[in-house]
Amino acid sequence: MFAGHGGQVCDKEGDEDDGMDEVIETCDHEQLVDDELFDLIVRPLPQGCRLTAVFDCCNSGTALGKPS
């Protein structure tokens, strides 16, 4: 679960329909982009594994990105 600040930045990979990536802001004011979160949290999961993630933040959209 994440509860905090979220936002959007311009999509640099061209994989977002709206041209924007969603980000969460860490306590040290760094931004984690949804694609980075996907690579850190989702991609390593074993096939068939399920993940429930809750993001309570502005502009959470696809907070964990989507597979490319």
PDB file of N, CA and C in Angstrom:
ATOM      1  N   MET A   1       0.843  -1.178   0.000  1.00  0.00           N
ATOM      2  CA  MET A   1       0.000   0.000   0.000  1.00  0.00           C
ATOM      3  C   MET A   1       0.879   1.228   0.000  1.00  0.00           C
ATOM      4  N   PHE A   2       0.496   2.197  -0.781  1.00  0.00           N
ATOM      5  CA  PHE A   2       1.179   3.484  -0.807  1.00  0.00           C
ATOM      6  C   PHE A   2       0.140   4.571  -0.639  1.00  0.00           C
ATOM      7  N   ALA A   3       0.356   5.465   0.289  1.00  0.00           N
ATOM      8  CA  ALA A   3      -0.484   6.645   0.453  1.00  0.00           C
ATOM      9  C   ALA A   3       0.461   7.835   0.477  1.00  0.00           C
ATOM     10  N   GLY A   4       0.333   8.693  -0.478  1.00  0.00           N
ATOM     11  CA  GLY A   4       1.222   9.841  -0.556  1.00  0.00           C
ATOM     12  C   GLY A   4       0.964  10.634  -1.816  1.00  0.00           C
ATOM     13  N   HIS A   5       1.994  11.330  -2.264  1.00  0.00           N
ATOM     14  CA  HIS A   5       1.859  12.199  -3.427  1.00  0.00           C
ATOM     15  C   HIS A   5       2.097  11.433  -4.716  1.00  0.00           C
ATOM     16  N   GLY A   6       1.312  11.764  -5.707  1.00  0.00           N
ATOM     17  CA  GLY A   6       1.460  11.205  -7.036  1.00  0.00           C
ATOM     18  C   GLY A   6       1.394  12.318  -8.053  1.00  0.00           C
ATOM     19  N   GLY A   7       1.741  12.009  -9.269  1.00  0.00           N
ATOM     20  CA  GLY A   7       1.701  13.013 -10.321  1.00  0.00           C
ATOM     21  C   GLY A   7       1.897  12.381 -11.671  1.00  0.00           C
ATOM     22  N   GLN A   8       2.153  13.227 -12.647  1.00  0.00           N
ATOM     23  CA  GLN A   8       2.386  12.755 -14.007  1.00  0.00           C
ATOM     24  C   GLN A   8       3.593  13.487 -14.590  1.00  0.00           C
ATOM     25  N   VAL A   9       4.306  12.782 -15.460  1.00  0.00           N
ATOM     26  CA  VAL A   9       5.419  13.355 -16.209  1.00  0.00           C
ATOM     27  C   VAL A   9       5.277  12.922 -17.659  1.00  0.00           C
ATOM     28  N   CYS A  10       5.936  13.620 -18.559  1.00  0.00           N
ATOM     29  CA  CYS A  10       5.889  13.249 -19.975  1.00  0.00           C
ATOM     30  C   CYS A  10       6.453  11.849 -20.166  1.00  0.00           C
ATOM     31  N   ASP A  11       5.763  11.060 -20.968  1.00  0.00           N
ATOM     32  CA  ASP A  11       6.158   9.687 -21.277  1.00  0.00           C
ATOM     33  C   ASP A  11       7.343   9.700 -22.234  1.00  0.00           C
ATOM     34  N   LYS A  12       8.480   9.173 -21.794  1.00  0.00           N
ATOM     35  CA  LYS A  12       9.686   9.152 -22.628  1.00  0.00           C
ATOM     36  C   LYS A  12       9.777   7.901 -23.492  1.00  0.00           C
ATOM     37  N   GLU A  13       9.033   6.838 -23.136  1.00  0.00           N
ATOM     38  CA  GLU A  13       9.106   5.581 -23.877  1.00  0.00           C
ATOM     39  C   GLU A  13       8.064   5.472 -24.983  1.00  0.00           C
ATOM     40  N   GLY A  14       7.061   6.335 -24.961  1.00  0.00           N
ATOM     41  CA  GLY A  14       6.014   6.291 -25.976  1.00  0.00           C
ATOM     42  C   GLY A  14       5.028   5.156 -25.796  1.00  0.00           C
ATOM     43  N   ASP A  15       4.906   4.629 -24.554  1.00  0.00           N
ATOM     44  CA  ASP A  15       4.001   3.495 -24.324  1.00  0.00           C
ATOM     45  C   ASP A  15       2.702   3.888 -23.634  1.00  0.00           C
ATOM     46  N   GLU A  16       2.470   5.160 -23.422  1.00  0.00           N
ATOM     47  CA  GLU A  16       1.249   5.617 -22.753  1.00  0.00           C
ATOM     48  C   GLU A  16       0.325   6.266 -23.777  1.00  0.00           C
ATOM     49  N   ASP A  17      -0.944   5.856 -23.780  1.00  0.00           N
ATOM     50  CA  ASP A  17      -1.913   6.397 -24.731  1.00  0.00           C
ATOM     51  C   ASP A  17      -2.074   7.909 -24.600  1.00  0.00           C
ATOM     52  N   ASP A  18      -1.992   8.416 -23.350  1.00  0.00           N
ATOM     53  CA  ASP A  18      -2.186   9.849 -23.130  1.00  0.00           C
ATOM     54  C   ASP A  18      -0.883  10.638 -23.145  1.00  0.00           C
ATOM     55  N   GLY A  19       0.251   9.963 -23.390  1.00  0.00           N
ATOM     56  CA  GLY A  19       1.527  10.649 -23.452  1.00  0.00           C
ATOM     57  C   GLY A  19       2.124  10.998 -22.096  1.00  0.00           C
ATOM     58  N   MET A  20       1.513  10.471 -21.017  1.00  0.00           N
ATOM     59  CA  MET A  20       1.980  10.790 -19.667  1.00  0.00           C
ATOM     60  C   MET A  20       2.237   9.510 -18.877  1.00  0.00           C
ATOM     61  N   ASP A  21       3.341   9.500 -18.127  1.00  0.00           N
ATOM     62  CA  ASP A  21       3.622   8.436 -17.169  1.00  0.00           C
ATOM     63  C   ASP A  21       3.162   8.908 -15.800  1.00  0.00           C
ATOM     64  N   GLU A  22       2.659   7.988 -14.991  1.00  0.00           N
ATOM     65  CA  GLU A  22       2.293   8.314 -13.627  1.00  0.00           C
ATOM     66  C   GLU A  22       3.510   8.107 -12.732  1.00  0.00           C
ATOM     67  N   VAL A  23       3.627   8.913 -11.686  1.00  0.00           N
ATOM     68  CA  VAL A  23       4.746   8.815 -10.748  1.00  0.00           C
ATOM     69  C   VAL A  23       4.221   8.872  -9.323  1.00  0.00           C
ATOM     70  N   ILE A  24       4.988   8.288  -8.414  1.00  0.00           N
ATOM     71  CA  ILE A  24       4.757   8.534  -7.000  1.00  0.00           C
ATOM     72  C   ILE A  24       5.983   9.262  -6.482  1.00  0.00           C
ATOM     73  N   GLU A  25       5.776  10.090  -5.482  1.00  0.00           N
ATOM     74  CA  GLU A  25       6.869  10.861  -4.910  1.00  0.00           C
ATOM     75  C   GLU A  25       7.274  10.239  -3.582  1.00  0.00           C
ATOM     76  N   THR A  26       8.560   9.952  -3.447  1.00  0.00           N
ATOM     77  CA  THR A  26       9.067   9.333  -2.224  1.00  0.00           C
ATOM     78  C   THR A  26       9.250  10.380  -1.135  1.00  0.00           C
ATOM     79  N   CYS A  27       9.511   9.913   0.085  1.00  0.00           N
ATOM     80  CA  CYS A  27       9.674  10.829   1.215  1.00  0.00           C
ATOM     81  C   CYS A  27      10.903  11.730   1.061  1.00  0.00           C
ATOM     82  N   ASP A  28      11.859  11.333   0.211  1.00  0.00           N
ATOM     83  CA  ASP A  28      13.023  12.188  -0.032  1.00  0.00           C
ATOM     84  C   ASP A  28      12.887  12.961  -1.350  1.00  0.00           C
ATOM     85  N   HIS A  29      11.638  13.105  -1.808  1.00  0.00           N
ATOM     86  CA  HIS A  29      11.250  13.935  -2.951  1.00  0.00           C
ATOM     87  C   HIS A  29      11.772  13.433  -4.297  1.00  0.00           C
ATOM     88  N   GLU A  30      12.090  12.151  -4.383  1.00  0.00           N
ATOM     89  CA  GLU A  30      12.415  11.540  -5.668  1.00  0.00           C
ATOM     90  C   GLU A  30      11.110  11.071  -6.300  1.00  0.00           C
ATOM     91  N   GLN A  31      11.090  10.943  -7.603  1.00  0.00           N
ATOM     92  CA  GLN A  31       9.908  10.439  -8.291  1.00  0.00           C
ATOM     93  C   GLN A  31      10.202   9.055  -8.854  1.00  0.00           C
ATOM     94  N   LEU A  32       9.276   8.134  -8.625  1.00  0.00           N
ATOM     95  CA  LEU A  32       9.361   6.798  -9.196  1.00  0.00           C
ATOM     96  C   LEU A  32       8.286   6.687 -10.270  1.00  0.00           C
ATOM     97  N   VAL A  33       8.710   6.426 -11.487  1.00  0.00           N
ATOM     98  CA  VAL A  33       7.811   6.328 -12.638  1.00  0.00           C
ATOM     99  C   VAL A  33       7.155   4.951 -12.656  1.00  0.00           C
ATOM    100  N   ASP A  34       5.912   4.894 -13.122  1.00  0.00           N
ATOM    101  CA  ASP A  34       5.155   3.636 -13.142  1.00  0.00           C
ATOM    102  C   ASP A  34       5.912   2.504 -13.830  1.00  0.00           C
ATOM    103  N   ASP A  35       6.640   2.804 -14.901  1.00  0.00           N
ATOM    104  CA  ASP A  35       7.405   1.763 -15.592  1.00  0.00           C
ATOM    105  C   ASP A  35       8.510   1.200 -14.689  1.00  0.00           C
ATOM    106  N   GLU A  36       9.157   2.068 -13.899  1.00  0.00           N
ATOM    107  CA  GLU A  36      10.193   1.621 -12.958  1.00  0.00           C
ATOM    108  C   GLU A  36       9.577   0.745 -11.869  1.00  0.00           C
ATOM    109  N   LEU A  37       8.418   1.171 -11.364  1.00  0.00           N
ATOM    110  CA  LEU A  37       7.737   0.389 -10.329  1.00  0.00           C
ATOM    111  C   LEU A  37       7.353  -0.989 -10.853  1.00  0.00           C
ATOM    112  N   PHE A  38       6.902  -1.056 -12.097  1.00  0.00           N
ATOM    113  CA  PHE A  38       6.553  -2.339 -12.704  1.00  0.00           C
ATOM    114  C   PHE A  38       7.781  -3.250 -12.723  1.00  0.00           C
ATOM    115  N   ASP A  39       8.917  -2.698 -13.167  1.00  0.00           N
ATOM    116  CA  ASP A  39      10.150  -3.494 -13.251  1.00  0.00           C
ATOM    117  C   ASP A  39      10.638  -3.949 -11.880  1.00  0.00           C
ATOM    118  N   LEU A  40      10.419  -3.140 -10.848  1.00  0.00           N
ATOM    119  CA  LEU A  40      10.875  -3.474  -9.497  1.00  0.00           C
ATOM    120  C   LEU A  40       9.955  -4.439  -8.758  1.00  0.00           C
ATOM    121  N   ILE A  41       8.640  -4.290  -8.970  1.00  0.00           N
ATOM    122  CA  ILE A  41       7.672  -5.013  -8.138  1.00  0.00           C
ATOM    123  C   ILE A  41       6.962  -6.139  -8.885  1.00  0.00           C
ATOM    124  N   VAL A  42       6.549  -5.886 -10.114  1.00  0.00           N
ATOM    125  CA  VAL A  42       5.714  -6.844 -10.843  1.00  0.00           C
ATOM    126  C   VAL A  42       6.541  -7.841 -11.650  1.00  0.00           C
ATOM    127  N   ARG A  43       7.471  -7.350 -12.448  1.00  0.00           N
ATOM    128  CA  ARG A  43       8.238  -8.225 -13.342  1.00  0.00           C
ATOM    129  C   ARG A  43       8.914  -9.390 -12.614  1.00  0.00           C
ATOM    130  N   PRO A  44       9.471  -9.209 -11.397  1.00  0.00           N
ATOM    131  CA  PRO A  44      10.133 -10.326 -10.715  1.00  0.00           C
ATOM    132  C   PRO A  44       9.195 -11.417 -10.178  1.00  0.00           C
ATOM    133  N   LEU A  45       7.892 -11.167 -10.160  1.00  0.00           N
ATOM    134  CA  LEU A  45       6.961 -12.150  -9.612  1.00  0.00           C
ATOM    135  C   LEU A  45       6.945 -13.418 -10.472  1.00  0.00           C
ATOM    136  N   PRO A  46       6.856 -14.572  -9.827  1.00  0.00           N
ATOM    137  CA  PRO A  46       6.768 -15.823 -10.591  1.00  0.00           C
ATOM    138  C   PRO A  46       5.477 -15.879 -11.406  1.00  0.00           C
ATOM    139  N   GLN A  47       5.522 -16.559 -12.538  1.00  0.00           N
ATOM    140  CA  GLN A  47       4.332 -16.725 -13.374  1.00  0.00           C
ATOM    141  C   GLN A  47       3.200 -17.320 -12.543  1.00  0.00           C
ATOM    142  N   GLY A  48       2.002 -16.769 -12.693  1.00  0.00           N
ATOM    143  CA  GLY A  48       0.828 -17.251 -11.975  1.00  0.00           C
ATOM    144  C   GLY A  48       0.623 -16.592 -10.625  1.00  0.00           C
ATOM    145  N   CYS A  49       1.598 -15.847 -10.165  1.00  0.00           N
ATOM    146  CA  CYS A  49       1.488 -15.164  -8.877  1.00  0.00           C
ATOM    147  C   CYS A  49       0.563 -13.954  -9.027  1.00  0.00           C
ATOM    148  N   ARG A  50      -0.192 -13.655  -7.983  1.00  0.00           N
ATOM    149  CA  ARG A  50      -1.082 -12.495  -7.995  1.00  0.00           C
ATOM    150  C   ARG A  50      -0.572 -11.461  -7.014  1.00  0.00           C
ATOM    151  N   LEU A  51      -0.754 -10.203  -7.371  1.00  0.00           N
ATOM    152  CA  LEU A  51      -0.335  -9.088  -6.536  1.00  0.00           C
ATOM    153  C   LEU A  51      -1.502  -8.132  -6.381  1.00  0.00           C
ATOM    154  N   THR A  52      -1.783  -7.739  -5.166  1.00  0.00           N
ATOM    155  CA  THR A  52      -2.762  -6.686  -4.914  1.00  0.00           C
ATOM    156  C   THR A  52      -1.993  -5.491  -4.381  1.00  0.00           C
ATOM    157  N   ALA A  53      -2.096  -4.387  -5.079  1.00  0.00           N
ATOM    158  CA  ALA A  53      -1.399  -3.165  -4.679  1.00  0.00           C
ATOM    159  C   ALA A  53      -2.418  -2.038  -4.603  1.00  0.00           C
ATOM    160  N   VAL A  54      -2.338  -1.236  -3.557  1.00  0.00           N
ATOM    161  CA  VAL A  54      -3.254  -0.112  -3.370  1.00  0.00           C
ATOM    162  C   VAL A  54      -2.437   1.174  -3.371  1.00  0.00           C
ATOM    163  N   PHE A  55      -2.790   2.085  -4.260  1.00  0.00           N
ATOM    164  CA  PHE A  55      -2.135   3.383  -4.340  1.00  0.00           C
ATOM    165  C   PHE A  55      -3.175   4.458  -4.046  1.00  0.00           C
ATOM    166  N   ASP A  56      -2.970   5.198  -2.974  1.00  0.00           N
ATOM    167  CA  ASP A  56      -3.863   6.281  -2.589  1.00  0.00           C
ATOM    168  C   ASP A  56      -3.109   7.588  -2.822  1.00  0.00           C
ATOM    169  N   CYS A  57      -3.152   8.048  -4.077  1.00  0.00           N
ATOM    170  CA  CYS A  57      -2.428   9.265  -4.425  1.00  0.00           C
ATOM    171  C   CYS A  57      -3.049   9.880  -5.679  1.00  0.00           C
ATOM    172  N   CYS A  58      -2.801  11.149  -5.880  1.00  0.00           N
ATOM    173  CA  CYS A  58      -3.285  11.827  -7.083  1.00  0.00           C
ATOM    174  C   CYS A  58      -2.671  11.200  -8.312  1.00  0.00           C
ATOM    175  N   ASN A  59      -3.418  11.134  -9.396  1.00  0.00           N
ATOM    176  CA  ASN A  59      -2.933  10.666 -10.691  1.00  0.00           C
ATOM    177  C   ASN A  59      -2.316   9.276 -10.648  1.00  0.00           C
ATOM    178  N   SER A  60      -2.837   8.399  -9.806  1.00  0.00           N
ATOM    179  CA  SER A  60      -2.214   7.065  -9.692  1.00  0.00           C
ATOM    180  C   SER A  60      -2.361   6.261 -10.983  1.00  0.00           C
ATOM    181  N   GLY A  61      -3.429   6.453 -11.731  1.00  0.00           N
ATOM    182  CA  GLY A  61      -3.593   5.815 -13.028  1.00  0.00           C
ATOM    183  C   GLY A  61      -3.038   4.407 -13.100  1.00  0.00           C
ATOM    184  N   THR A  62      -2.044   4.203 -13.938  1.00  0.00           N
ATOM    185  CA  THR A  62      -1.393   2.900 -14.045  1.00  0.00           C
ATOM    186  C   THR A  62      -0.157   2.911 -13.160  1.00  0.00           C
ATOM    187  N   ALA A  63      -0.357   3.029 -11.873  1.00  0.00           N
ATOM    188  CA  ALA A  63       0.741   3.224 -10.914  1.00  0.00           C
ATOM    189  C   ALA A  63       1.850   2.204 -11.036  1.00  0.00           C
ATOM    190  N   LEU A  64       1.535   1.002 -11.477  1.00  0.00           N
ATOM    191  CA  LEU A  64       2.579  -0.010 -11.639  1.00  0.00           C
ATOM    192  C   LEU A  64       2.923  -0.230 -13.105  1.00  0.00           C
ATOM    193  N   GLY A  65       2.536   0.685 -13.938  1.00  0.00           N
ATOM    194  CA  GLY A  65       2.829   0.557 -15.360  1.00  0.00           C
ATOM    195  C   GLY A  65       2.087  -0.615 -15.966  1.00  0.00           C
ATOM    196  N   LYS A  66       2.409  -0.896 -17.163  1.00  0.00           N
ATOM    197  CA  LYS A  66       1.795  -2.034 -17.843  1.00  0.00           C
ATOM    198  C   LYS A  66       2.880  -2.731 -18.641  1.00  0.00           C
ATOM    199  N   PRO A  67       2.761  -4.027 -18.811  1.00  0.00           N
ATOM    200  CA  PRO A  67       3.797  -4.746 -19.556  1.00  0.00           C
ATOM    201  C   PRO A  67       3.926  -4.223 -20.976  1.00  0.00           C
ATOM    202  N   SER A  68       5.162  -4.179 -21.461  1.00  0.00           N
ATOM    203  CA  SER A  68       5.365  -3.713 -22.831  1.00  0.00           C
ATOM    204  C   SER A  68       5.544  -4.871 -23.783  1.00  0.00           C
TER     205      SER A  68
END
